[in-house]
Amino acid sequence: MVKIGDIELPNFPLLLAPMEDVSDPPFRALCKEQGADVVYTEFISSEGLIRNAAKSTMKLDIYEKERPVGIQIFGANLDSMLQSVEIVEKSNPDIIDINFGCPVKKVVSKGAGAGILKDLCLMEKLTAEMVKRTHLPVTVKTRLGWDHDSIKIVEVAERLQDVGCKAIAIHGRTRAQMYKGEADWKPIAEVKNNPRMHIPIFGNGDVDSPEKAMVMRDTYGLDGAMIGRASIGNPWFFKEVKHFFKTGKHMEPVTIAERVEAARRHLEMAIEWKGEKLGVFETRRHYTNYFKGIPHFKEYRMKMVTSDASVDVFKAFDEVLDKFSDYQFV
């Protein structure tokens, strides 16, 4: 069993990573149904929260069926981060997660996200003060370092644990790498194998098959896997990994009918949560993966990703179900 504070999780839990414009309530609900053990919100700007910016506050919406759920915030200003903790607590999440890993320039340029990897003392202070401010478990998501020459993740993890951090998820790339090249899990294993460490260490980056998840568990000995890009348009990934762990075999491929039903529910929930226009627009990124591998699919995909009215997208789903109902995924 793995514990984040008092939250009990199964051995080698699978966590849905916080992803901008992806891990919203509709998608989190689908992933939870398919075996995600912990889900995280999109990352939320502390500055946006204290200014009551609509886009930031909307991301605080969480639902009982998602639990345990973590709300992730980012920022580099201590006062803003502490104020945001008080705002986040009102949504009653199970976990508050700090983003010390986002590599995007507009975040990093303000010293937030992975930008804080240039100032480990500030990273430690922010974490310590946030731990003091809340009764909720505080966790951190970060990267190996700013660049290859400044990887100090073993020291970073010790310092975060020492000030009260309850779990750390580490992406196996530096900020300089962005999302290029292969994730390196060896330094994450060094953190886990450090005899000083006693909190859960989760691996992140390139877990895109059940086999890789097993390698992360059995070869690198990590406490769990945080799944990001592999889950986009593929909420079944969590179920596939667990099936593989249990049986040593791959799960039967998800049928066309199941894919259409998931895409339909996803869009329905998105519209209910954020309205017709945004719901249609922000669900588009999932469709390529929902229907990946189907031959001669371009015509239908174009309808899904260019239609502005949900009625047209739902019609495209019906057409796919009608035309490809006999297609067998390998």
Protein backbone atom coordinates (compact mmCIF):
# COMPACT_ATOMS: atom_id res chain seq x y z
CA MET A 1 0.00 0.00 0.00
CA VAL A 2 1.12 3.55 -0.81
CA LYS A 3 0.10 6.51 1.34
CA ILE A 4 -0.02 10.23 0.58
CA GLY A 5 -0.47 11.63 4.05
CA ASP A 6 -3.47 9.66 5.35
CA ILE A 7 -4.74 8.80 1.86
CA GLU A 8 -4.37 5.07 1.25
CA LEU A 9 -3.71 3.94 -2.31
CA PRO A 10 -3.12 0.51 -3.85
CA ASN A 11 0.38 -0.75 -4.58
CA PHE A 12 1.87 1.09 -7.56
CA PRO A 13 -1.01 3.53 -8.06
CA LEU A 14 -1.63 5.16 -11.44
CA LEU A 15 -2.07 8.93 -11.34
CA LEU A 16 -3.59 11.14 -14.03
CA ALA A 17 -1.13 13.99 -14.59
CA PRO A 18 -2.26 17.61 -14.46
CA MET A 19 -2.43 18.77 -18.10
CA GLU A 20 -3.50 22.19 -19.33
CA ASP A 21 -6.83 22.04 -21.21
CA VAL A 22 -6.88 18.24 -20.84
CA SER A 23 -7.40 17.08 -17.25
CA ASP A 24 -10.70 18.88 -16.70
CA PRO A 25 -13.65 17.34 -14.80
CA PRO A 26 -15.14 15.46 -17.81
CA PHE A 27 -11.85 13.80 -18.70
CA ARG A 28 -10.95 13.13 -15.08
CA ALA A 29 -14.30 11.37 -14.63
CA LEU A 30 -13.62 9.09 -17.60
CA CYS A 31 -10.11 8.26 -16.39
CA LYS A 32 -11.38 7.57 -12.88
CA GLU A 33 -13.93 5.10 -14.26
CA GLN A 34 -11.13 3.35 -16.14
CA GLY A 35 -8.84 2.84 -13.18
CA ALA A 36 -6.96 6.07 -12.38
CA ASP A 37 -6.20 5.97 -8.65
CA VAL A 38 -5.57 9.70 -8.20
CA VAL A 39 -6.50 12.51 -10.59
CA TYR A 40 -5.16 16.07 -10.69
CA THR A 41 -6.72 19.25 -12.01
CA GLU A 42 -5.20 21.32 -14.76
CA PHE A 43 -2.51 23.52 -13.24
CA ILE A 44 -3.91 26.76 -11.85
CA SER A 45 -2.17 30.11 -11.59
CA SER A 46 -1.92 31.41 -8.04
CA GLU A 47 -1.97 34.96 -9.41
CA GLY A 48 -5.14 34.14 -11.36
CA LEU A 49 -6.78 32.73 -8.25
CA ILE A 50 -6.14 35.74 -6.06
CA ARG A 51 -7.38 38.05 -8.85
CA ASN A 52 -10.47 35.85 -9.14
CA ALA A 53 -9.79 35.30 -12.84
CA ALA A 54 -12.68 33.28 -14.30
CA LYS A 55 -10.51 30.73 -16.09
CA SER A 56 -8.51 29.99 -12.93
CA THR A 57 -11.44 29.76 -10.52
CA MET A 58 -13.39 27.51 -12.90
CA LYS A 59 -10.58 24.96 -12.66
CA LEU A 60 -11.29 24.60 -8.95
CA ASP A 61 -14.44 22.59 -9.72
CA ILE A 62 -14.10 19.06 -8.38
CA TYR A 63 -16.67 16.32 -7.84
CA GLU A 64 -17.12 13.52 -5.32
CA LYS A 65 -16.76 10.79 -7.95
CA GLU A 66 -13.19 11.95 -8.67
CA ARG A 67 -11.73 11.39 -5.23
CA PRO A 68 -8.96 11.30 -4.30
CA VAL A 69 -8.32 14.43 -6.35
CA GLY A 70 -5.49 16.95 -6.17
CA ILE A 71 -5.64 20.60 -7.14
CA GLN A 72 -2.36 21.79 -8.64
CA ILE A 73 -1.22 25.40 -8.39
CA PHE A 74 1.82 27.25 -9.65
CA GLY A 75 3.54 30.51 -8.88
CA ALA A 76 6.74 31.99 -7.53
CA ASN A 77 5.44 34.68 -5.18
CA LEU A 78 5.13 33.47 -1.60
CA ASP A 79 2.22 35.74 -0.61
CA SER A 80 0.25 34.81 -3.72
CA MET A 81 0.85 31.11 -3.22
CA LEU A 82 -0.25 31.28 0.43
CA GLN A 83 -3.38 33.22 -0.46
CA SER A 84 -4.16 30.69 -3.17
CA VAL A 85 -3.90 27.84 -0.63
CA GLU A 86 -6.75 29.38 1.33
CA ILE A 87 -8.84 29.71 -1.84
CA VAL A 88 -8.07 26.14 -2.93
CA GLU A 89 -9.03 24.72 0.47
CA LYS A 90 -12.60 25.98 -0.02
CA SER A 91 -12.98 23.50 -2.90
CA ASN A 92 -12.13 20.72 -0.44
CA PRO A 93 -9.61 18.71 -2.49
CA ASP A 94 -7.79 15.74 -1.01
CA ILE A 95 -4.34 17.01 -2.02
CA ILE A 96 -2.69 20.33 -2.87
CA ASP A 97 0.03 19.86 -5.48
CA ILE A 98 2.68 22.42 -6.37
CA ASN A 99 3.88 22.64 -9.95
CA PHE A 100 7.65 23.01 -10.00
CA GLY A 101 7.97 21.38 -13.41
CA CYS A 102 6.06 23.18 -16.17
CA PRO A 103 8.61 24.05 -18.90
CA VAL A 104 6.46 26.54 -20.84
CA LYS A 105 8.20 29.86 -21.41
CA LYS A 106 5.37 32.12 -20.16
CA VAL A 107 5.41 30.25 -16.82
CA VAL A 108 9.17 29.83 -16.50
CA SER A 109 9.86 33.49 -17.34
CA LYS A 110 8.07 34.46 -14.13
CA GLY A 111 10.21 32.10 -12.08
CA ALA A 112 7.34 29.62 -11.67
CA GLY A 113 6.99 26.01 -12.80
CA ALA A 114 10.38 24.65 -13.83
CA GLY A 115 11.78 28.17 -13.50
CA ILE A 116 12.08 27.63 -9.76
CA LEU A 117 14.66 24.89 -10.40
CA LYS A 118 17.13 27.77 -10.69
CA ASP A 119 16.39 28.76 -7.09
CA LEU A 120 16.20 25.68 -4.87
CA CYS A 121 16.08 27.76 -1.71
CA LEU A 122 12.92 29.49 -2.92
CA MET A 123 11.48 26.12 -3.90
CA GLU A 124 12.12 24.82 -0.39
CA LYS A 125 10.72 27.95 1.28
CA LEU A 126 7.53 28.01 -0.79
CA THR A 127 6.89 24.35 -0.02
CA ALA A 128 7.61 24.76 3.70
CA GLU A 129 5.28 27.75 4.06
CA MET A 130 2.47 26.07 2.13
CA VAL A 131 2.76 22.96 4.29
CA LYS A 132 2.40 25.16 7.39
CA ARG A 133 -0.62 26.96 5.91
CA THR A 134 -2.83 23.92 5.20
CA HIS A 135 -4.06 20.75 6.90
CA LEU A 136 -4.13 18.99 3.51
CA PRO A 137 -1.20 16.90 2.26
CA VAL A 138 1.07 18.95 0.01
CA THR A 139 2.76 17.18 -2.88
CA VAL A 140 5.13 18.37 -5.61
CA LYS A 141 5.54 17.69 -9.31
CA THR A 142 8.92 18.63 -10.72
CA ARG A 143 11.64 17.74 -13.24
CA LEU A 144 15.18 16.38 -12.95
CA GLY A 145 16.66 19.87 -13.06
CA TRP A 146 16.96 23.00 -15.16
CA ASP A 147 19.42 21.39 -17.55
CA HIS A 148 21.77 18.42 -17.71
CA ASP A 149 24.50 20.25 -15.80
CA SER A 150 22.27 21.22 -12.88
CA ILE A 151 20.54 17.95 -11.97
CA LYS A 152 20.29 17.84 -8.17
CA ILE A 153 17.06 15.90 -7.86
CA VAL A 154 18.26 13.69 -4.98
CA GLU A 155 19.07 16.79 -2.92
CA VAL A 156 15.86 18.51 -4.04
CA ALA A 157 13.74 15.55 -2.96
CA GLU A 158 15.40 15.42 0.46
CA ARG A 159 14.82 19.12 1.01
CA LEU A 160 11.17 18.88 -0.03
CA GLN A 161 10.57 15.88 2.22
CA ASP A 162 12.30 17.60 5.14
CA VAL A 163 9.86 20.54 5.00
CA GLY A 164 6.80 18.30 4.96
CA CYS A 165 6.09 17.37 1.34
CA LYS A 166 4.06 14.11 1.35
CA ALA A 167 4.90 12.78 -2.16
CA ILE A 168 6.91 13.81 -5.20
CA ALA A 169 6.21 13.12 -8.87
CA ILE A 170 9.29 13.53 -11.03
CA HIS A 171 9.29 13.95 -14.80
CA GLY A 172 12.38 12.28 -16.23
CA ARG A 173 13.51 15.26 -18.29
CA THR A 174 15.14 18.59 -17.57
CA ARG A 175 13.50 21.89 -18.41
CA ALA A 176 15.99 22.35 -21.25
CA GLN A 177 14.71 19.14 -22.87
CA MET A 178 11.08 20.27 -22.77
CA TYR A 179 9.36 17.11 -24.10
CA LYS A 180 12.13 16.07 -26.49
CA GLY A 181 14.31 12.98 -26.32
CA GLU A 182 13.67 10.11 -23.95
CA ALA A 183 12.76 10.48 -20.31
CA ASP A 184 15.54 9.25 -18.00
CA TRP A 185 14.14 7.30 -15.07
CA LYS A 186 17.52 6.47 -13.51
CA PRO A 187 17.78 9.70 -11.48
CA ILE A 188 14.21 9.12 -10.25
CA ALA A 189 15.26 5.68 -9.06
CA GLU A 190 18.21 7.28 -7.26
CA VAL A 191 15.73 9.41 -5.34
CA LYS A 192 13.61 6.38 -4.49
CA ASN A 193 16.63 4.32 -3.42
CA ASN A 194 18.02 7.07 -1.22
CA PRO A 195 17.76 5.57 2.31
CA ARG A 196 16.76 9.00 3.63
CA MET A 197 13.55 9.02 1.62
CA HIS A 198 10.32 7.64 3.06
CA ILE A 199 7.61 9.44 1.08
CA PRO A 200 6.21 8.05 -2.21
CA ILE A 201 8.19 8.81 -5.38
CA PHE A 202 6.17 8.68 -8.58
CA GLY A 203 7.68 8.51 -12.05
CA ASN A 204 6.45 10.57 -14.98
CA GLY A 205 7.43 10.76 -18.63
CA ASP A 206 7.12 8.27 -21.51
CA VAL A 207 4.88 5.78 -19.70
CA ASP A 208 3.01 5.00 -22.90
CA SER A 209 2.55 1.23 -22.69
CA PRO A 210 1.74 -1.34 -20.00
CA GLU A 211 5.24 -2.79 -20.48
CA LYS A 212 6.87 0.55 -19.67
CA ALA A 213 4.72 0.91 -16.57
CA MET A 214 5.93 -2.53 -15.47
CA VAL A 215 9.56 -1.53 -16.06
CA MET A 216 9.02 1.59 -13.96
CA ARG A 217 7.61 -0.59 -11.19
CA ASP A 218 9.87 -3.64 -11.32
CA THR A 219 13.18 -2.38 -12.70
CA TYR A 220 13.27 1.12 -11.27
CA GLY A 221 11.30 0.34 -8.11
CA LEU A 222 9.20 3.50 -8.11
CA ASP A 223 6.06 3.83 -6.02
CA GLY A 224 3.68 4.62 -8.87
CA ALA A 225 3.35 6.13 -12.32
CA MET A 226 1.92 9.49 -13.29
CA ILE A 227 0.34 9.20 -16.73
CA GLY A 228 0.11 12.19 -19.04
CA ARG A 229 0.08 12.18 -22.82
CA ALA A 230 -0.67 8.44 -23.14
CA SER A 231 -4.10 9.04 -21.61
CA ILE A 232 -5.25 11.80 -24.00
CA GLY A 233 -8.21 10.38 -25.90
CA ASN A 234 -7.39 7.07 -24.25
CA PRO A 235 -8.86 6.93 -20.72
CA TRP A 236 -8.67 3.13 -20.97
CA PHE A 237 -4.88 3.29 -20.58
CA PHE A 238 -5.17 2.96 -16.79
CA LYS A 239 -7.32 -0.15 -17.14
CA GLU A 240 -4.92 -1.60 -19.73
CA VAL A 241 -1.95 -1.22 -17.40
CA LYS A 242 -3.77 -2.82 -14.47
CA HIS A 243 -4.96 -5.69 -16.65
CA PHE A 244 -1.39 -6.28 -17.83
CA PHE A 245 -0.07 -6.22 -14.25
CA LYS A 246 -2.68 -8.76 -13.20
CA THR A 247 -2.55 -11.17 -16.14
CA GLY A 248 0.69 -10.50 -18.02
CA LYS A 249 -1.43 -10.10 -21.14
CA HIS A 250 -2.83 -7.17 -23.07
CA MET A 251 -6.47 -6.30 -22.61
CA GLU A 252 -8.81 -6.90 -25.53
CA PRO A 253 -8.85 -3.76 -27.73
CA VAL A 254 -11.58 -1.24 -26.97
CA THR A 255 -14.39 -1.58 -29.54
CA ILE A 256 -15.68 1.11 -31.88
CA ALA A 257 -18.93 1.22 -29.91
CA GLU A 258 -17.04 1.81 -26.64
CA ARG A 259 -14.92 4.52 -28.24
CA VAL A 260 -17.92 6.33 -29.68
CA GLU A 261 -19.75 6.11 -26.36
CA ALA A 262 -16.75 7.53 -24.47
CA ALA A 263 -16.30 10.37 -26.98
CA ARG A 264 -20.02 11.13 -26.80
CA ARG A 265 -20.07 11.20 -23.00
CA HIS A 266 -16.90 13.26 -22.94
CA LEU A 267 -18.46 15.91 -25.18
CA GLU A 268 -21.76 15.88 -23.28
CA MET A 269 -20.00 16.41 -19.94
CA ALA A 270 -17.74 19.09 -21.43
CA ILE A 271 -20.73 21.05 -22.73
CA GLU A 272 -22.53 20.70 -19.43
CA TRP A 273 -19.47 21.97 -17.54
CA LYS A 274 -18.14 24.74 -19.79
CA GLY A 275 -20.87 25.47 -22.32
CA GLU A 276 -21.39 24.65 -25.99
CA LYS A 277 -18.61 26.70 -27.56
CA LEU A 278 -15.76 25.81 -25.20
CA GLY A 279 -17.02 22.27 -24.72
CA VAL A 280 -16.88 21.58 -28.45
CA PHE A 281 -13.56 23.33 -28.96
CA GLU A 282 -11.61 21.90 -26.03
CA THR A 283 -12.69 18.29 -26.58
CA ARG A 284 -11.30 18.22 -30.13
CA ARG A 285 -7.77 17.27 -29.09
CA HIS A 286 -9.00 13.88 -27.88
CA TYR A 287 -10.69 12.64 -31.05
CA THR A 288 -7.57 11.65 -32.96
CA ASN A 289 -6.64 9.24 -30.18
CA TYR A 290 -10.19 8.04 -29.49
CA PHE A 291 -10.29 6.72 -33.05
CA LYS A 292 -6.60 6.10 -33.68
CA GLY A 293 -5.81 3.26 -36.08
CA ILE A 294 -9.05 3.27 -38.06
CA PRO A 295 -8.22 3.33 -41.79
CA HIS A 296 -9.73 5.97 -44.10
CA PHE A 297 -10.91 7.97 -41.11
CA LYS A 298 -9.77 11.45 -42.17
CA GLU A 299 -13.20 12.58 -43.43
CA TYR A 300 -14.80 11.87 -40.06
CA ARG A 301 -11.96 13.27 -38.01
CA MET A 302 -12.16 16.53 -39.97
CA LYS A 303 -15.86 16.80 -39.19
CA MET A 304 -15.16 16.30 -35.49
CA VAL A 305 -12.33 18.83 -35.26
CA THR A 306 -13.78 21.56 -37.50
CA SER A 307 -17.46 21.56 -36.53
CA ASP A 308 -18.43 24.38 -34.18
CA ALA A 309 -21.85 22.93 -33.33
CA SER A 310 -22.13 19.90 -31.07
CA VAL A 311 -25.03 18.55 -33.12
CA ASP A 312 -22.64 18.10 -36.05
CA VAL A 313 -20.03 16.36 -33.89
CA PHE A 314 -22.64 13.98 -32.45
CA LYS A 315 -23.80 13.28 -36.01
CA ALA A 316 -20.20 12.41 -36.96
CA PHE A 317 -20.07 9.98 -34.02
CA ASP A 318 -23.22 8.28 -35.33
CA GLU A 319 -21.71 8.03 -38.81
CA VAL A 320 -18.55 6.44 -37.41
CA LEU A 321 -20.56 3.90 -35.44
CA ASP A 322 -22.58 3.06 -38.53
CA LYS A 323 -19.67 2.82 -40.97
CA PHE A 324 -16.99 1.20 -38.82
CA SER A 325 -19.06 -0.94 -36.41
CA ASP A 326 -17.44 -4.14 -37.73
CA TYR A 327 -13.85 -2.83 -37.62
CA GLN A 328 -11.61 -4.94 -35.40
CA PHE A 329 -8.69 -3.29 -33.62
CA VAL A 330 -5.54 -5.41 -33.44
